[in-house]
Amino acid sequence: IVGGLNLVLRPNVSLQCLKLNMLSQDG
């Protein structure tokens, strides 16, 4: 069995990505 997992639950983690200029502003 091979699995891949990801949930986006905490804004603080996304904020880290934002500060690194990784996120598309229009989503």
mmCIF file of all heavy atoms, coordinates in Angstrom:
data_MODEL
# 
_entry.id   MODEL 
# 
loop_
_atom_site.group_PDB 
_atom_site.id 
_atom_site.type_symbol 
_atom_site.label_atom_id 
_atom_site.label_alt_id 
_atom_site.label_comp_id 
_atom_site.label_asym_id 
_atom_site.label_entity_id 
_atom_site.label_seq_id 
_atom_site.pdbx_PDB_ins_code 
_atom_site.Cartn_x 
_atom_site.Cartn_y 
_atom_site.Cartn_z 
_atom_site.occupancy 
_atom_site.B_iso_or_equiv 
_atom_site.pdbx_formal_charge 
_atom_site.auth_seq_id 
_atom_site.auth_comp_id 
_atom_site.auth_asym_id 
_atom_site.auth_atom_id 
_atom_site.pdbx_PDB_model_num 
ATOM 1   N N   . ILE A 1 1  ? 0.862  -1.169 0.000   1.00 0.00 ? 1  ILE A N   1 
ATOM 2   C CA  . ILE A 1 1  ? 0.000  0.000  0.000   1.00 0.00 ? 1  ILE A CA  1 
ATOM 3   C C   . ILE A 1 1  ? 0.906  1.229  0.000   1.00 0.00 ? 1  ILE A C   1 
ATOM 4   O O   . ILE A 1 1  ? 1.814  1.328  0.825   1.00 0.00 ? 1  ILE A O   1 
ATOM 5   C CB  . ILE A 1 1  ? -0.917 0.023  1.240   1.00 0.00 ? 1  ILE A CB  1 
ATOM 6   C CG1 . ILE A 1 1  ? -2.007 -1.040 1.131   1.00 0.00 ? 1  ILE A CG1 1 
ATOM 7   C CG2 . ILE A 1 1  ? -1.540 1.406  1.417   1.00 0.00 ? 1  ILE A CG2 1 
ATOM 8   C CD1 . ILE A 1 1  ? -3.069 -0.751 0.083   1.00 0.00 ? 1  ILE A CD1 1 
ATOM 9   N N   . VAL A 1 2  ? 0.678  2.135  -0.939  1.00 0.00 ? 2  VAL A N   1 
ATOM 10  C CA  . VAL A 1 2  ? 1.421  3.397  -0.976  1.00 0.00 ? 2  VAL A CA  1 
ATOM 11  C C   . VAL A 1 2  ? 0.431  4.527  -0.744  1.00 0.00 ? 2  VAL A C   1 
ATOM 12  O O   . VAL A 1 2  ? -0.620 4.587  -1.393  1.00 0.00 ? 2  VAL A O   1 
ATOM 13  C CB  . VAL A 1 2  ? 2.137  3.600  -2.322  1.00 0.00 ? 2  VAL A CB  1 
ATOM 14  C CG1 . VAL A 1 2  ? 2.914  4.915  -2.312  1.00 0.00 ? 2  VAL A CG1 1 
ATOM 15  C CG2 . VAL A 1 2  ? 3.063  2.433  -2.623  1.00 0.00 ? 2  VAL A CG2 1 
ATOM 16  N N   . GLY A 1 3  ? 0.747  5.404  0.192   1.00 0.00 ? 3  GLY A N   1 
ATOM 17  C CA  . GLY A 1 3  ? -0.148 6.509  0.512   1.00 0.00 ? 3  GLY A CA  1 
ATOM 18  C C   . GLY A 1 3  ? 0.512  7.853  0.350   1.00 0.00 ? 3  GLY A C   1 
ATOM 19  O O   . GLY A 1 3  ? 1.739  7.983  0.427   1.00 0.00 ? 3  GLY A O   1 
ATOM 20  N N   . GLY A 1 4  ? -0.304 8.857  0.108   1.00 0.00 ? 4  GLY A N   1 
ATOM 21  C CA  . GLY A 1 4  ? 0.142  10.239 0.092   1.00 0.00 ? 4  GLY A CA  1 
ATOM 22  C C   . GLY A 1 4  ? -0.872 11.076 0.849   1.00 0.00 ? 4  GLY A C   1 
ATOM 23  O O   . GLY A 1 4  ? -2.084 10.985 0.585   1.00 0.00 ? 4  GLY A O   1 
ATOM 24  N N   . LEU A 1 5  ? -0.401 11.882 1.822   1.00 0.00 ? 5  LEU A N   1 
ATOM 25  C CA  . LEU A 1 5  ? -1.309 12.585 2.726   1.00 0.00 ? 5  LEU A CA  1 
ATOM 26  C C   . LEU A 1 5  ? -0.980 14.067 2.804   1.00 0.00 ? 5  LEU A C   1 
ATOM 27  O O   . LEU A 1 5  ? 0.186  14.445 2.913   1.00 0.00 ? 5  LEU A O   1 
ATOM 28  C CB  . LEU A 1 5  ? -1.212 12.006 4.145   1.00 0.00 ? 5  LEU A CB  1 
ATOM 29  C CG  . LEU A 1 5  ? -1.222 10.486 4.318   1.00 0.00 ? 5  LEU A CG  1 
ATOM 30  C CD1 . LEU A 1 5  ? -1.060 10.136 5.798   1.00 0.00 ? 5  LEU A CD1 1 
ATOM 31  C CD2 . LEU A 1 5  ? -2.497 9.889  3.764   1.00 0.00 ? 5  LEU A CD2 1 
ATOM 32  N N   . ASN A 1 6  ? -2.005 14.907 2.782   1.00 0.00 ? 6  ASN A N   1 
ATOM 33  C CA  . ASN A 1 6  ? -1.813 16.335 3.031   1.00 0.00 ? 6  ASN A CA  1 
ATOM 34  C C   . ASN A 1 6  ? -3.147 16.986 3.369   1.00 0.00 ? 6  ASN A C   1 
ATOM 35  O O   . ASN A 1 6  ? -4.121 16.842 2.635   1.00 0.00 ? 6  ASN A O   1 
ATOM 36  C CB  . ASN A 1 6  ? -1.229 17.043 1.804   1.00 0.00 ? 6  ASN A CB  1 
ATOM 37  C CG  . ASN A 1 6  ? -0.659 18.411 2.149   1.00 0.00 ? 6  ASN A CG  1 
ATOM 38  O OD1 . ASN A 1 6  ? 0.175  18.525 3.046   1.00 0.00 ? 6  ASN A OD1 1 
ATOM 39  N ND2 . ASN A 1 6  ? -1.104 19.456 1.458   1.00 0.00 ? 6  ASN A ND2 1 
ATOM 40  N N   . LEU A 1 7  ? -3.199 17.653 4.510   1.00 0.00 ? 7  LEU A N   1 
ATOM 41  C CA  . LEU A 1 7  ? -4.358 18.456 4.883   1.00 0.00 ? 7  LEU A CA  1 
ATOM 42  C C   . LEU A 1 7  ? -3.899 19.861 5.229   1.00 0.00 ? 7  LEU A C   1 
ATOM 43  O O   . LEU A 1 7  ? -2.849 20.043 5.866   1.00 0.00 ? 7  LEU A O   1 
ATOM 44  C CB  . LEU A 1 7  ? -5.097 17.839 6.077   1.00 0.00 ? 7  LEU A CB  1 
ATOM 45  C CG  . LEU A 1 7  ? -5.818 16.515 5.835   1.00 0.00 ? 7  LEU A CG  1 
ATOM 46  C CD1 . LEU A 1 7  ? -6.514 16.043 7.111   1.00 0.00 ? 7  LEU A CD1 1 
ATOM 47  C CD2 . LEU A 1 7  ? -6.829 16.630 4.699   1.00 0.00 ? 7  LEU A CD2 1 
ATOM 48  N N   . VAL A 1 8  ? -4.687 20.852 4.832   1.00 0.00 ? 8  VAL A N   1 
ATOM 49  C CA  . VAL A 1 8  ? -4.354 22.261 5.056   1.00 0.00 ? 8  VAL A CA  1 
ATOM 50  C C   . VAL A 1 8  ? -5.280 22.785 6.142   1.00 0.00 ? 8  VAL A C   1 
ATOM 51  O O   . VAL A 1 8  ? -6.407 23.219 5.865   1.00 0.00 ? 8  VAL A O   1 
ATOM 52  C CB  . VAL A 1 8  ? -4.513 23.063 3.749   1.00 0.00 ? 8  VAL A CB  1 
ATOM 53  C CG1 . VAL A 1 8  ? -4.160 24.527 3.972   1.00 0.00 ? 8  VAL A CG1 1 
ATOM 54  C CG2 . VAL A 1 8  ? -3.628 22.465 2.646   1.00 0.00 ? 8  VAL A CG2 1 
ATOM 55  N N   . LEU A 1 9  ? -4.841 22.715 7.390   1.00 0.00 ? 9  LEU A N   1 
ATOM 56  C CA  . LEU A 1 9  ? -5.711 22.983 8.531   1.00 0.00 ? 9  LEU A CA  1 
ATOM 57  C C   . LEU A 1 9  ? -5.323 24.239 9.303   1.00 0.00 ? 9  LEU A C   1 
ATOM 58  O O   . LEU A 1 9  ? -6.174 24.841 9.952   1.00 0.00 ? 9  LEU A O   1 
ATOM 59  C CB  . LEU A 1 9  ? -5.694 21.790 9.492   1.00 0.00 ? 9  LEU A CB  1 
ATOM 60  C CG  . LEU A 1 9  ? -6.087 20.430 8.900   1.00 0.00 ? 9  LEU A CG  1 
ATOM 61  C CD1 . LEU A 1 9  ? -5.953 19.344 9.952   1.00 0.00 ? 9  LEU A CD1 1 
ATOM 62  C CD2 . LEU A 1 9  ? -7.495 20.466 8.337   1.00 0.00 ? 9  LEU A CD2 1 
ATOM 63  N N   . ARG A 1 10 ? -4.054 24.635 9.266   1.00 0.00 ? 10 ARG A N   1 
ATOM 64  C CA  . ARG A 1 10 ? -3.599 25.751 10.084  1.00 0.00 ? 10 ARG A CA  1 
ATOM 65  C C   . ARG A 1 10 ? -3.125 26.901 9.193   1.00 0.00 ? 10 ARG A C   1 
ATOM 66  O O   . ARG A 1 10 ? -2.255 26.715 8.336   1.00 0.00 ? 10 ARG A O   1 
ATOM 67  C CB  . ARG A 1 10 ? -2.443 25.316 10.987  1.00 0.00 ? 10 ARG A CB  1 
ATOM 68  C CG  . ARG A 1 10 ? -2.823 24.351 12.086  1.00 0.00 ? 10 ARG A CG  1 
ATOM 69  C CD  . ARG A 1 10 ? -1.596 23.834 12.818  1.00 0.00 ? 10 ARG A CD  1 
ATOM 70  N NE  . ARG A 1 10 ? -0.772 24.917 13.310  1.00 0.00 ? 10 ARG A NE  1 
ATOM 71  C CZ  . ARG A 1 10 ? 0.530  24.788 13.587  1.00 0.00 ? 10 ARG A CZ  1 
ATOM 72  N NH1 . ARG A 1 10 ? 1.134  23.635 13.394  1.00 0.00 ? 10 ARG A NH1 1 
ATOM 73  N NH2 . ARG A 1 10 ? 1.209  25.804 14.047  1.00 0.00 ? 10 ARG A NH2 1 
ATOM 74  N N   . PRO A 1 11 ? -3.676 28.090 9.386   1.00 0.00 ? 11 PRO A N   1 
ATOM 75  C CA  . PRO A 1 11 ? -3.233 29.224 8.576   1.00 0.00 ? 11 PRO A CA  1 
ATOM 76  C C   . PRO A 1 11 ? -1.761 29.559 8.764   1.00 0.00 ? 11 PRO A C   1 
ATOM 77  O O   . PRO A 1 11 ? -1.130 30.109 7.860   1.00 0.00 ? 11 PRO A O   1 
ATOM 78  C CB  . PRO A 1 11 ? -4.139 30.367 9.050   1.00 0.00 ? 11 PRO A CB  1 
ATOM 79  C CG  . PRO A 1 11 ? -4.607 29.966 10.415  1.00 0.00 ? 11 PRO A CG  1 
ATOM 80  C CD  . PRO A 1 11 ? -4.712 28.469 10.365  1.00 0.00 ? 11 PRO A CD  1 
ATOM 81  N N   . ASN A 1 12 ? -1.200 29.213 9.925   1.00 0.00 ? 12 ASN A N   1 
ATOM 82  C CA  . ASN A 1 12 ? 0.201  29.557 10.183  1.00 0.00 ? 12 ASN A CA  1 
ATOM 83  C C   . ASN A 1 12 ? 1.149  28.872 9.204   1.00 0.00 ? 12 ASN A C   1 
ATOM 84  O O   . ASN A 1 12 ? 2.183  29.432 8.822   1.00 0.00 ? 12 ASN A O   1 
ATOM 85  C CB  . ASN A 1 12 ? 0.589  29.161 11.620  1.00 0.00 ? 12 ASN A CB  1 
ATOM 86  C CG  . ASN A 1 12 ? -0.107 30.026 12.653  1.00 0.00 ? 12 ASN A CG  1 
ATOM 87  O OD1 . ASN A 1 12 ? -1.054 30.734 12.327  1.00 0.00 ? 12 ASN A OD1 1 
ATOM 88  N ND2 . ASN A 1 12 ? 0.355  29.960 13.891  1.00 0.00 ? 12 ASN A ND2 1 
ATOM 89  N N   . VAL A 1 13 ? 0.832  27.629 8.797   1.00 0.00 ? 13 VAL A N   1 
ATOM 90  C CA  . VAL A 1 13 ? 1.688  26.933 7.843   1.00 0.00 ? 13 VAL A CA  1 
ATOM 91  C C   . VAL A 1 13 ? 1.594  27.614 6.474   1.00 0.00 ? 13 VAL A C   1 
ATOM 92  O O   . VAL A 1 13 ? 2.608  27.837 5.807   1.00 0.00 ? 13 VAL A O   1 
ATOM 93  C CB  . VAL A 1 13 ? 1.286  25.452 7.732   1.00 0.00 ? 13 VAL A CB  1 
ATOM 94  C CG1 . VAL A 1 13 ? 2.145  24.741 6.686   1.00 0.00 ? 13 VAL A CG1 1 
ATOM 95  C CG2 . VAL A 1 13 ? 1.425  24.760 9.089   1.00 0.00 ? 13 VAL A CG2 1 
ATOM 96  N N   . SER A 1 14 ? 0.382  27.963 6.061   1.00 0.00 ? 14 SER A N   1 
ATOM 97  C CA  . SER A 1 14 ? 0.223  28.674 4.798   1.00 0.00 ? 14 SER A CA  1 
ATOM 98  C C   . SER A 1 14 ? 0.904  30.036 4.847   1.00 0.00 ? 14 SER A C   1 
ATOM 99  O O   . SER A 1 14 ? 1.447  30.514 3.835   1.00 0.00 ? 14 SER A O   1 
ATOM 100 C CB  . SER A 1 14 ? -1.267 28.848 4.479   1.00 0.00 ? 14 SER A CB  1 
ATOM 101 O OG  . SER A 1 14 ? -1.873 27.600 4.196   1.00 0.00 ? 14 SER A OG  1 
ATOM 102 N N   . LEU A 1 15 ? 0.894  30.658 6.020   1.00 0.00 ? 15 LEU A N   1 
ATOM 103 C CA  . LEU A 1 15 ? 1.562  31.952 6.171   1.00 0.00 ? 15 LEU A CA  1 
ATOM 104 C C   . LEU A 1 15 ? 3.067  31.831 5.941   1.00 0.00 ? 15 LEU A C   1 
ATOM 105 O O   . LEU A 1 15 ? 3.694  32.725 5.367   1.00 0.00 ? 15 LEU A O   1 
ATOM 106 C CB  . LEU A 1 15 ? 1.267  32.534 7.556   1.00 0.00 ? 15 LEU A CB  1 
ATOM 107 C CG  . LEU A 1 15 ? 1.786  33.942 7.831   1.00 0.00 ? 15 LEU A CG  1 
ATOM 108 C CD1 . LEU A 1 15 ? 1.212  34.942 6.835   1.00 0.00 ? 15 LEU A CD1 1 
ATOM 109 C CD2 . LEU A 1 15 ? 1.449  34.363 9.266   1.00 0.00 ? 15 LEU A CD2 1 
ATOM 110 N N   . GLN A 1 16 ? 3.641  30.724 6.386   1.00 0.00 ? 16 GLN A N   1 
ATOM 111 C CA  . GLN A 1 16 ? 5.065  30.478 6.107   1.00 0.00 ? 16 GLN A CA  1 
ATOM 112 C C   . GLN A 1 16 ? 5.313  30.468 4.591   1.00 0.00 ? 16 GLN A C   1 
ATOM 113 O O   . GLN A 1 16 ? 6.268  31.060 4.094   1.00 0.00 ? 16 GLN A O   1 
ATOM 114 C CB  . GLN A 1 16 ? 5.486  29.124 6.694   1.00 0.00 ? 16 GLN A CB  1 
ATOM 115 C CG  . GLN A 1 16 ? 5.488  29.038 8.200   1.00 0.00 ? 16 GLN A CG  1 
ATOM 116 C CD  . GLN A 1 16 ? 6.791  29.553 8.809   1.00 0.00 ? 16 GLN A CD  1 
ATOM 117 O OE1 . GLN A 1 16 ? 7.635  30.123 8.131   1.00 0.00 ? 16 GLN A OE1 1 
ATOM 118 N NE2 . GLN A 1 16 ? 6.937  29.346 10.109  1.00 0.00 ? 16 GLN A NE2 1 
ATOM 119 N N   . CYS A 1 17 ? 4.432  29.782 3.856   1.00 0.00 ? 17 CYS A N   1 
ATOM 120 C CA  . CYS A 1 17 ? 4.572  29.729 2.395   1.00 0.00 ? 17 CYS A CA  1 
ATOM 121 C C   . CYS A 1 17 ? 4.410  31.114 1.784   1.00 0.00 ? 17 CYS A C   1 
ATOM 122 O O   . CYS A 1 17 ? 5.106  31.475 0.827   1.00 0.00 ? 17 CYS A O   1 
ATOM 123 C CB  . CYS A 1 17 ? 3.535  28.775 1.805   1.00 0.00 ? 17 CYS A CB  1 
ATOM 124 S SG  . CYS A 1 17 ? 3.709  27.058 2.343   1.00 0.00 ? 17 CYS A SG  1 
ATOM 125 N N   . LEU A 1 18 ? 3.480  31.904 2.332   1.00 0.00 ? 18 LEU A N   1 
ATOM 126 C CA  . LEU A 1 18 ? 3.265  33.264 1.830   1.00 0.00 ? 18 LEU A CA  1 
ATOM 127 C C   . LEU A 1 18 ? 4.510  34.113 2.027   1.00 0.00 ? 18 LEU A C   1 
ATOM 128 O O   . LEU A 1 18 ? 4.912  34.864 1.117   1.00 0.00 ? 18 LEU A O   1 
ATOM 129 C CB  . LEU A 1 18 ? 2.066  33.887 2.546   1.00 0.00 ? 18 LEU A CB  1 
ATOM 130 C CG  . LEU A 1 18 ? 1.688  35.311 2.120   1.00 0.00 ? 18 LEU A CG  1 
ATOM 131 C CD1 . LEU A 1 18 ? 1.178  35.311 0.682   1.00 0.00 ? 18 LEU A CD1 1 
ATOM 132 C CD2 . LEU A 1 18 ? 0.634  35.896 3.059   1.00 0.00 ? 18 LEU A CD2 1 
ATOM 133 N N   . LYS A 1 19 ? 5.135  34.002 3.195   1.00 0.00 ? 19 LYS A N   1 
ATOM 134 C CA  . LYS A 1 19 ? 6.336  34.790 3.483   1.00 0.00 ? 19 LYS A CA  1 
ATOM 135 C C   . LYS A 1 19 ? 7.503  34.389 2.592   1.00 0.00 ? 19 LYS A C   1 
ATOM 136 O O   . LYS A 1 19 ? 8.418  35.192 2.353   1.00 0.00 ? 19 LYS A O   1 
ATOM 137 C CB  . LYS A 1 19 ? 6.723  34.635 4.954   1.00 0.00 ? 19 LYS A CB  1 
ATOM 138 C CG  . LYS A 1 19 ? 5.692  35.183 5.933   1.00 0.00 ? 19 LYS A CG  1 
ATOM 139 C CD  . LYS A 1 19 ? 5.488  36.685 5.783   1.00 0.00 ? 19 LYS A CD  1 
ATOM 140 C CE  . LYS A 1 19 ? 4.537  37.220 6.838   1.00 0.00 ? 19 LYS A CE  1 
ATOM 141 N NZ  . LYS A 1 19 ? 4.316  38.695 6.673   1.00 0.00 ? 19 LYS A NZ  1 
ATOM 142 N N   . LEU A 1 20 ? 7.494  33.158 2.097   1.00 0.00 ? 20 LEU A N   1 
ATOM 143 C CA  . LEU A 1 20 ? 8.539  32.700 1.179   1.00 0.00 ? 20 LEU A CA  1 
ATOM 144 C C   . LEU A 1 20 ? 8.184  33.009 -0.281  1.00 0.00 ? 20 LEU A C   1 
ATOM 145 O O   . LEU A 1 20 ? 8.886  32.581 -1.201  1.00 0.00 ? 20 LEU A O   1 
ATOM 146 C CB  . LEU A 1 20 ? 8.759  31.191 1.334   1.00 0.00 ? 20 LEU A CB  1 
ATOM 147 C CG  . LEU A 1 20 ? 9.460  30.735 2.611   1.00 0.00 ? 20 LEU A CG  1 
ATOM 148 C CD1 . LEU A 1 20 ? 9.424  29.215 2.736   1.00 0.00 ? 20 LEU A CD1 1 
ATOM 149 C CD2 . LEU A 1 20 ? 10.906 31.223 2.643   1.00 0.00 ? 20 LEU A CD2 1 
ATOM 150 N N   . ASN A 1 21 ? 7.094  33.755 -0.494  1.00 0.00 ? 21 ASN A N   1 
ATOM 151 C CA  . ASN A 1 21 ? 6.638  34.140 -1.841  1.00 0.00 ? 21 ASN A CA  1 
ATOM 152 C C   . ASN A 1 21 ? 6.337  32.927 -2.716  1.00 0.00 ? 21 ASN A C   1 
ATOM 153 O O   . ASN A 1 21 ? 6.571  32.955 -3.923  1.00 0.00 ? 21 ASN A O   1 
ATOM 154 C CB  . ASN A 1 21 ? 7.688  35.033 -2.528  1.00 0.00 ? 21 ASN A CB  1 
ATOM 155 C CG  . ASN A 1 21 ? 7.891  36.347 -1.803  1.00 0.00 ? 21 ASN A CG  1 
ATOM 156 O OD1 . ASN A 1 21 ? 6.925  37.004 -1.412  1.00 0.00 ? 21 ASN A OD1 1 
ATOM 157 N ND2 . ASN A 1 21 ? 9.144  36.728 -1.610  1.00 0.00 ? 21 ASN A ND2 1 
ATOM 158 N N   . MET A 1 22 ? 5.795  31.886 -2.104  1.00 0.00 ? 22 MET A N   1 
ATOM 159 C CA  . MET A 1 22 ? 5.485  30.663 -2.839  1.00 0.00 ? 22 MET A CA  1 
ATOM 160 C C   . MET A 1 22 ? 4.065  30.625 -3.378  1.00 0.00 ? 22 MET A C   1 
ATOM 161 O O   . MET A 1 22 ? 3.764  29.862 -4.295  1.00 0.00 ? 22 MET A O   1 
ATOM 162 C CB  . MET A 1 22 ? 5.700  29.446 -1.925  1.00 0.00 ? 22 MET A CB  1 
ATOM 163 C CG  . MET A 1 22 ? 7.133  29.229 -1.489  1.00 0.00 ? 22 MET A CG  1 
ATOM 164 S SD  . MET A 1 22 ? 7.262  28.022 -0.136  1.00 0.00 ? 22 MET A SD  1 
ATOM 165 C CE  . MET A 1 22 ? 6.477  26.599 -0.870  1.00 0.00 ? 22 MET A CE  1 
ATOM 166 N N   . LEU A 1 23 ? 3.139  31.430 -2.817  1.00 0.00 ? 23 LEU A N   1 
ATOM 167 C CA  . LEU A 1 23 ? 1.718  31.276 -3.096  1.00 0.00 ? 23 LEU A CA  1 
ATOM 168 C C   . LEU A 1 23 ? 1.234  32.188 -4.216  1.00 0.00 ? 23 LEU A C   1 
ATOM 169 O O   . LEU A 1 23 ? 1.628  33.351 -4.306  1.00 0.00 ? 23 LEU A O   1 
ATOM 170 C CB  . LEU A 1 23 ? 0.898  31.562 -1.834  1.00 0.00 ? 23 LEU A CB  1 
ATOM 171 C CG  . LEU A 1 23 ? 1.169  30.673 -0.621  1.00 0.00 ? 23 LEU A CG  1 
ATOM 172 C CD1 . LEU A 1 23 ? 0.210  31.017 0.505   1.00 0.00 ? 23 LEU A CD1 1 
ATOM 173 C CD2 . LEU A 1 23 ? 1.059  29.200 -0.973  1.00 0.00 ? 23 LEU A CD2 1 
ATOM 174 N N   . SER A 1 24 ? 0.361  31.639 -5.044  1.00 0.00 ? 24 SER A N   1 
ATOM 175 C CA  . SER A 1 24 ? -0.324 32.428 -6.066  1.00 0.00 ? 24 SER A CA  1 
ATOM 176 C C   . SER A 1 24 ? -1.347 33.327 -5.386  1.00 0.00 ? 24 SER A C   1 
ATOM 177 O O   . SER A 1 24 ? -2.204 32.846 -4.639  1.00 0.00 ? 24 SER A O   1 
ATOM 178 C CB  . SER A 1 24 ? -1.016 31.501 -7.064  1.00 0.00 ? 24 SER A CB  1 
ATOM 179 O OG  . SER A 1 24 ? -1.898 32.214 -7.894  1.00 0.00 ? 24 SER A OG  1 
ATOM 180 N N   . GLN A 1 25 ? -1.283 34.611 -5.637  1.00 0.00 ? 25 GLN A N   1 
ATOM 181 C CA  . GLN A 1 25 ? -2.156 35.549 -4.935  1.00 0.00 ? 25 GLN A CA  1 
ATOM 182 C C   . GLN A 1 25 ? -3.627 35.368 -5.295  1.00 0.00 ? 25 GLN A C   1 
ATOM 183 O O   . GLN A 1 25 ? -4.505 35.588 -4.458  1.00 0.00 ? 25 GLN A O   1 
ATOM 184 C CB  . GLN A 1 25 ? -1.713 36.985 -5.232  1.00 0.00 ? 25 GLN A CB  1 
ATOM 185 C CG  . GLN A 1 25 ? -0.438 37.392 -4.509  1.00 0.00 ? 25 GLN A CG  1 
ATOM 186 C CD  . GLN A 1 25 ? -0.567 37.301 -2.999  1.00 0.00 ? 25 GLN A CD  1 
ATOM 187 O OE1 . GLN A 1 25 ? -1.548 37.745 -2.408  1.00 0.00 ? 25 GLN A OE1 1 
ATOM 188 N NE2 . GLN A 1 25 ? 0.421  36.692 -2.360  1.00 0.00 ? 25 GLN A NE2 1 
ATOM 189 N N   . ASP A 1 26 ? -3.903 34.973 -6.543  1.00 0.00 ? 26 ASP A N   1 
ATOM 190 C CA  . ASP A 1 26 ? -5.306 34.790 -6.910  1.00 0.00 ? 26 ASP A CA  1 
ATOM 191 C C   . ASP A 1 26 ? -5.788 33.361 -6.692  1.00 0.00 ? 26 ASP A C   1 
ATOM 192 O O   . ASP A 1 26 ? -6.925 33.014 -7.029  1.00 0.00 ? 26 ASP A O   1 
ATOM 193 C CB  . ASP A 1 26 ? -5.557 35.220 -8.361  1.00 0.00 ? 26 ASP A CB  1 
ATOM 194 C CG  . ASP A 1 26 ? -4.777 34.389 -9.373  1.00 0.00 ? 26 ASP A CG  1 
ATOM 195 O OD1 . ASP A 1 26 ? -4.068 33.449 -8.967  1.00 0.00 ? 26 ASP A OD1 1 
ATOM 196 O OD2 . ASP A 1 26 ? -4.880 34.689 -10.582 1.00 0.00 ? 26 ASP A OD2 1 
ATOM 197 N N   . GLY A 1 27 ? -4.928 32.497 -6.130  1.00 0.00 ? 27 GLY A N   1 
ATOM 198 C CA  . GLY A 1 27 ? -5.334 31.134 -5.815  1.00 0.00 ? 27 GLY A CA  1 
ATOM 199 C C   . GLY A 1 27 ? -5.576 30.282 -7.035  1.00 0.00 ? 27 GLY A C   1 
ATOM 200 O O   . GLY A 1 27 ? -6.371 29.345 -6.991  1.00 0.00 ? 27 GLY A O   1 
# 
